[in-house]
Amino acid sequence: MSVEELQIANIAPRKLFGLGANFIGVFSADTTAHTVIPQLWQDMGKLLENENCARGSSFGVMSMLPNTEELHYFAGVEVFEGNEPQDPAIESFDFAGGMYAMFEHHGSLATIEQSTKYFYQELLPQSGRAVRNAVHLEIYDERFVPNSENSVVIIAAPVE
């Protein structure tokens, strides 16, 4: 793997709908990511299955919480204007957009932790790009296939 695998692109602002919860990230021995995040996606899927809304890509949005090792994870979907979900239990998040360094994880979600660590500990530092203060992303586009070794998830960090 090499720095050439890193793509830099501007991601447009968008409104997302879903659910959020706090968790301890994968860089901690006490990580709760393996339980909290899948449960969020499952709960969000149940809520949205009753909604008749046209959807785009799904996004995992992560933000650091001050003075703690916890992060906030928002499992959300892009919903096309005029098709917003009506269930009051579904939260909204206004993604501001911006410049992002992106890396594609190929394989099942069982190995995404290794790709995340590679991206943040090796690839991103080698790129020389400064990380800016904004949310970090997982992007699940049409290439994402749950429980498949042929799946693709984009891991993205905000950069200057």
C-alpha atoms as a PDB file:
ATOM      1  CA  MET A   1       0.000   0.000   0.000  1.00  0.00           C
ATOM      2  CA  SER A   2       1.240   3.490  -0.747  1.00  0.00           C
ATOM      3  CA  VAL A   3       0.408   7.172  -0.512  1.00  0.00           C
ATOM      4  CA  GLU A   4      -0.845   6.985  -4.122  1.00  0.00           C
ATOM      5  CA  GLU A   5      -3.887   5.186  -2.718  1.00  0.00           C
ATOM      6  CA  LEU A   6      -4.916   8.422  -1.038  1.00  0.00           C
ATOM      7  CA  GLN A   7      -7.421  10.573  -2.925  1.00  0.00           C
ATOM      8  CA  ILE A   8      -8.057  14.238  -2.112  1.00  0.00           C
ATOM      9  CA  ALA A   9     -11.471  15.634  -3.006  1.00  0.00           C
ATOM     10  CA  ASN A  10     -14.008  18.219  -1.984  1.00  0.00           C
ATOM     11  CA  ILE A  11     -17.147  16.621  -0.551  1.00  0.00           C
ATOM     12  CA  ALA A  12     -20.262  18.735  -0.999  1.00  0.00           C
ATOM     13  CA  PRO A  13     -22.451  19.761   1.942  1.00  0.00           C
ATOM     14  CA  ARG A  14     -25.567  17.667   2.496  1.00  0.00           C
ATOM     15  CA  LYS A  15     -28.284  16.951   5.030  1.00  0.00           C
ATOM     16  CA  LEU A  16     -28.227  13.505   6.619  1.00  0.00           C
ATOM     17  CA  PHE A  17     -30.868  11.671   8.620  1.00  0.00           C
ATOM     18  CA  GLY A  18     -30.198   8.911  11.136  1.00  0.00           C
ATOM     19  CA  LEU A  19     -29.168   8.206  14.721  1.00  0.00           C
ATOM     20  CA  GLY A  20     -26.140   9.034  16.855  1.00  0.00           C
ATOM     21  CA  ALA A  21     -24.379   7.704  19.952  1.00  0.00           C
ATOM     22  CA  ASN A  22     -21.067   8.061  21.776  1.00  0.00           C
ATOM     23  CA  PHE A  23     -18.398   5.351  21.588  1.00  0.00           C
ATOM     24  CA  ILE A  24     -14.730   4.709  22.353  1.00  0.00           C
ATOM     25  CA  GLY A  25     -12.663   4.564  19.157  1.00  0.00           C
ATOM     26  CA  VAL A  26     -10.595   1.718  17.734  1.00  0.00           C
ATOM     27  CA  PHE A  27      -7.299   3.259  18.854  1.00  0.00           C
ATOM     28  CA  SER A  28      -8.200   2.498  22.482  1.00  0.00           C
ATOM     29  CA  ALA A  29      -7.887  -0.919  24.118  1.00  0.00           C
ATOM     30  CA  ASP A  30     -11.328  -0.211  25.611  1.00  0.00           C
ATOM     31  CA  THR A  31     -13.013   0.375  22.233  1.00  0.00           C
ATOM     32  CA  THR A  32     -16.789   0.057  22.095  1.00  0.00           C
ATOM     33  CA  ALA A  33     -16.937   0.631  18.336  1.00  0.00           C
ATOM     34  CA  HIS A  34     -17.672  -3.042  17.615  1.00  0.00           C
ATOM     35  CA  THR A  35     -20.907  -2.957  19.593  1.00  0.00           C
ATOM     36  CA  VAL A  36     -22.149   0.645  19.454  1.00  0.00           C
ATOM     37  CA  ILE A  37     -21.757   1.316  15.717  1.00  0.00           C
ATOM     38  CA  PRO A  38     -23.408  -1.857  14.334  1.00  0.00           C
ATOM     39  CA  GLN A  39     -26.312  -1.359  16.743  1.00  0.00           C
ATOM     40  CA  LEU A  40     -26.780   2.228  15.523  1.00  0.00           C
ATOM     41  CA  TRP A  41     -26.939   1.077  11.887  1.00  0.00           C
ATOM     42  CA  GLN A  42     -29.400  -1.667  12.799  1.00  0.00           C
ATOM     43  CA  ASP A  43     -31.644   0.720  14.760  1.00  0.00           C
ATOM     44  CA  MET A  44     -31.503   3.333  12.005  1.00  0.00           C
ATOM     45  CA  GLY A  45     -32.388   0.751   9.360  1.00  0.00           C
ATOM     46  CA  LYS A  46     -35.465  -0.278  11.338  1.00  0.00           C
ATOM     47  CA  LEU A  47     -36.607   3.326  11.657  1.00  0.00           C
ATOM     48  CA  LEU A  48     -36.075   4.119   7.980  1.00  0.00           C
ATOM     49  CA  GLU A  49     -37.750   0.989   6.626  1.00  0.00           C
ATOM     50  CA  ASN A  50     -41.098   2.557   7.535  1.00  0.00           C
ATOM     51  CA  GLU A  51     -40.220   5.793   5.759  1.00  0.00           C
ATOM     52  CA  ASN A  52     -40.969   6.314   2.093  1.00  0.00           C
ATOM     53  CA  CYS A  53     -37.961   8.449   1.193  1.00  0.00           C
ATOM     54  CA  ALA A  54     -35.570   8.318  -1.750  1.00  0.00           C
ATOM     55  CA  ARG A  55     -32.041   7.842  -0.445  1.00  0.00           C
ATOM     56  CA  GLY A  56     -28.486   8.336  -1.620  1.00  0.00           C
ATOM     57  CA  SER A  57     -25.291   7.161   0.056  1.00  0.00           C
ATOM     58  CA  SER A  58     -25.008   6.347   3.745  1.00  0.00           C
ATOM     59  CA  PHE A  59     -22.481   8.082   5.992  1.00  0.00           C
ATOM     60  CA  GLY A  60     -20.830   7.281   9.297  1.00  0.00           C
ATOM     61  CA  VAL A  61     -19.948  10.696  10.750  1.00  0.00           C
ATOM     62  CA  MET A  62     -17.462  10.826  13.619  1.00  0.00           C
ATOM     63  CA  SER A  63     -16.563  13.770  15.804  1.00  0.00           C
ATOM     64  CA  MET A  64     -14.254  14.077  18.793  1.00  0.00           C
ATOM     65  CA  LEU A  65     -15.803  14.883  22.157  1.00  0.00           C
ATOM     66  CA  PRO A  66     -13.876  17.351  24.340  1.00  0.00           C
ATOM     67  CA  ASN A  67     -11.937  16.135  27.386  1.00  0.00           C
ATOM     68  CA  THR A  68     -12.642  12.439  26.806  1.00  0.00           C
ATOM     69  CA  GLU A  69     -11.488   9.510  24.717  1.00  0.00           C
ATOM     70  CA  GLU A  70     -15.045   9.145  23.436  1.00  0.00           C
ATOM     71  CA  LEU A  71     -16.218  10.086  19.980  1.00  0.00           C
ATOM     72  CA  HIS A  72     -19.714  10.693  18.645  1.00  0.00           C
ATOM     73  CA  TYR A  73     -20.881   8.513  15.742  1.00  0.00           C
ATOM     74  CA  PHE A  74     -23.823   9.488  13.565  1.00  0.00           C
ATOM     75  CA  ALA A  75     -25.151   6.741  11.275  1.00  0.00           C
ATOM     76  CA  GLY A  76     -26.999   8.625   8.567  1.00  0.00           C
ATOM     77  CA  VAL A  77     -28.304   8.542   5.050  1.00  0.00           C
ATOM     78  CA  GLU A  78     -28.493  11.253   2.470  1.00  0.00           C
ATOM     79  CA  VAL A  79     -32.157  11.889   1.703  1.00  0.00           C
ATOM     80  CA  PHE A  80     -33.182  13.769  -1.404  1.00  0.00           C
ATOM     81  CA  GLU A  81     -34.932  17.102  -0.867  1.00  0.00           C
ATOM     82  CA  GLY A  82     -38.662  16.771  -0.346  1.00  0.00           C
ATOM     83  CA  ASN A  83     -38.300  13.158   0.900  1.00  0.00           C
ATOM     84  CA  GLU A  84     -37.281  13.833   4.490  1.00  0.00           C
ATOM     85  CA  PRO A  85     -38.263  11.177   7.049  1.00  0.00           C
ATOM     86  CA  GLN A  86     -41.228  12.064   9.262  1.00  0.00           C
ATOM     87  CA  ASP A  87     -40.479   9.907  12.323  1.00  0.00           C
ATOM     88  CA  PRO A  88     -39.474  12.271  15.193  1.00  0.00           C
ATOM     89  CA  ALA A  89     -37.016   9.637  16.487  1.00  0.00           C
ATOM     90  CA  ILE A  90     -34.853  10.180  13.391  1.00  0.00           C
ATOM     91  CA  GLU A  91     -32.235  12.903  13.924  1.00  0.00           C
ATOM     92  CA  SER A  92     -30.819  15.201  11.264  1.00  0.00           C
ATOM     93  CA  PHE A  93     -27.229  16.314  10.727  1.00  0.00           C
ATOM     94  CA  ASP A  94     -26.079  19.144   8.466  1.00  0.00           C
ATOM     95  CA  PHE A  95     -22.740  18.052   6.995  1.00  0.00           C
ATOM     96  CA  ALA A  96     -20.753  21.185   6.109  1.00  0.00           C
ATOM     97  CA  GLY A  97     -18.657  19.524   3.413  1.00  0.00           C
ATOM     98  CA  GLY A  98     -15.057  20.407   2.619  1.00  0.00           C
ATOM     99  CA  MET A  99     -11.741  18.962   1.517  1.00  0.00           C
ATOM    100  CA  TYR A 100     -11.137  15.327   2.506  1.00  0.00           C
ATOM    101  CA  ALA A 101      -8.364  12.745   2.175  1.00  0.00           C
ATOM    102  CA  MET A 102     -10.011   9.444   1.258  1.00  0.00           C
ATOM    103  CA  PHE A 103      -8.971   5.812   1.249  1.00  0.00           C
ATOM    104  CA  GLU A 104     -11.017   2.843   0.042  1.00  0.00           C
ATOM    105  CA  HIS A 105     -11.407  -0.156   2.326  1.00  0.00           C
ATOM    106  CA  HIS A 106     -11.978  -3.285   0.226  1.00  0.00           C
ATOM    107  CA  GLY A 107     -13.478  -6.276   2.020  1.00  0.00           C
ATOM    108  CA  SER A 108     -15.957  -7.023   4.747  1.00  0.00           C
ATOM    109  CA  LEU A 109     -16.609  -4.812   7.740  1.00  0.00           C
ATOM    110  CA  ALA A 110     -14.800  -7.418   9.839  1.00  0.00           C
ATOM    111  CA  THR A 111     -11.489  -5.973   8.600  1.00  0.00           C
ATOM    112  CA  ILE A 112     -12.325  -2.254   8.482  1.00  0.00           C
ATOM    113  CA  GLU A 113     -10.490  -1.642  11.765  1.00  0.00           C
ATOM    114  CA  GLN A 114      -7.174  -2.622  10.132  1.00  0.00           C
ATOM    115  CA  SER A 115      -7.857  -0.303   7.172  1.00  0.00           C
ATOM    116  CA  THR A 116      -8.793   2.542   9.524  1.00  0.00           C
ATOM    117  CA  LYS A 117      -5.586   2.154  11.499  1.00  0.00           C
ATOM    118  CA  TYR A 118      -3.512   1.962   8.293  1.00  0.00           C
ATOM    119  CA  PHE A 119      -5.177   5.107   6.944  1.00  0.00           C
ATOM    120  CA  TYR A 120      -4.740   7.189  10.107  1.00  0.00           C
ATOM    121  CA  GLN A 121      -1.414   5.846  11.385  1.00  0.00           C
ATOM    122  CA  GLU A 122       0.502   5.412   8.122  1.00  0.00           C
ATOM    123  CA  LEU A 123      -1.074   6.685   4.927  1.00  0.00           C
ATOM    124  CA  LEU A 124      -2.394  10.047   6.117  1.00  0.00           C
ATOM    125  CA  PRO A 125       0.803  11.040   8.013  1.00  0.00           C
ATOM    126  CA  GLN A 126       2.944  10.039   4.994  1.00  0.00           C
ATOM    127  CA  SER A 127       0.850  12.284   2.758  1.00  0.00           C
ATOM    128  CA  GLY A 128       2.003  15.436   4.557  1.00  0.00           C
ATOM    129  CA  ARG A 129      -1.593  16.713   4.682  1.00  0.00           C
ATOM    130  CA  ALA A 130      -2.664  18.503   7.869  1.00  0.00           C
ATOM    131  CA  VAL A 131      -5.902  17.239   9.380  1.00  0.00           C
ATOM    132  CA  ARG A 132      -8.357  20.055  10.001  1.00  0.00           C
ATOM    133  CA  ASN A 133     -10.930  20.291  12.774  1.00  0.00           C
ATOM    134  CA  ALA A 134     -14.076  18.800  11.232  1.00  0.00           C
ATOM    135  CA  VAL A 135     -15.989  15.528  11.237  1.00  0.00           C
ATOM    136  CA  HIS A 136     -14.424  12.317   9.930  1.00  0.00           C
ATOM    137  CA  LEU A 137     -16.398  10.049   7.599  1.00  0.00           C
ATOM    138  CA  GLU A 138     -17.139   6.551   6.449  1.00  0.00           C
ATOM    139  CA  ILE A 139     -18.965   6.647   3.126  1.00  0.00           C
ATOM    140  CA  TYR A 140     -21.124   3.720   2.085  1.00  0.00           C
ATOM    141  CA  ASP A 141     -21.984   4.240  -1.578  1.00  0.00           C
ATOM    142  CA  GLU A 142     -23.448   1.832  -4.135  1.00  0.00           C
ATOM    143  CA  ARG A 143     -20.311  -0.345  -3.885  1.00  0.00           C
ATOM    144  CA  PHE A 144     -21.045  -1.259  -0.264  1.00  0.00           C
ATOM    145  CA  VAL A 145     -22.482  -4.757   0.107  1.00  0.00           C
ATOM    146  CA  PRO A 146     -23.119  -5.874   3.705  1.00  0.00           C
ATOM    147  CA  ASN A 147     -21.296  -9.065   4.746  1.00  0.00           C
ATOM    148  CA  SER A 148     -19.402  -9.281   1.450  1.00  0.00           C
ATOM    149  CA  GLU A 149     -15.670  -9.590   0.810  1.00  0.00           C
ATOM    150  CA  ASN A 150     -16.292  -7.565  -2.380  1.00  0.00           C
ATOM    151  CA  SER A 151     -17.582  -4.537  -0.481  1.00  0.00           C
ATOM    152  CA  VAL A 152     -16.070  -1.026  -0.559  1.00  0.00           C
ATOM    153  CA  VAL A 153     -16.243   1.617   2.188  1.00  0.00           C
ATOM    154  CA  ILE A 154     -14.528   4.993   1.865  1.00  0.00           C
ATOM    155  CA  ILE A 155     -12.682   6.203   4.965  1.00  0.00           C
ATOM    156  CA  ALA A 156     -12.262   9.991   4.916  1.00  0.00           C
ATOM    157  CA  ALA A 157     -10.462  12.569   7.059  1.00  0.00           C
ATOM    158  CA  PRO A 158     -10.868  16.358   6.781  1.00  0.00           C
ATOM    159  CA  VAL A 159      -7.669  17.978   5.506  1.00  0.00           C
ATOM    160  CA  GLU A 160      -6.322  21.459   4.829  1.00  0.00           C
END
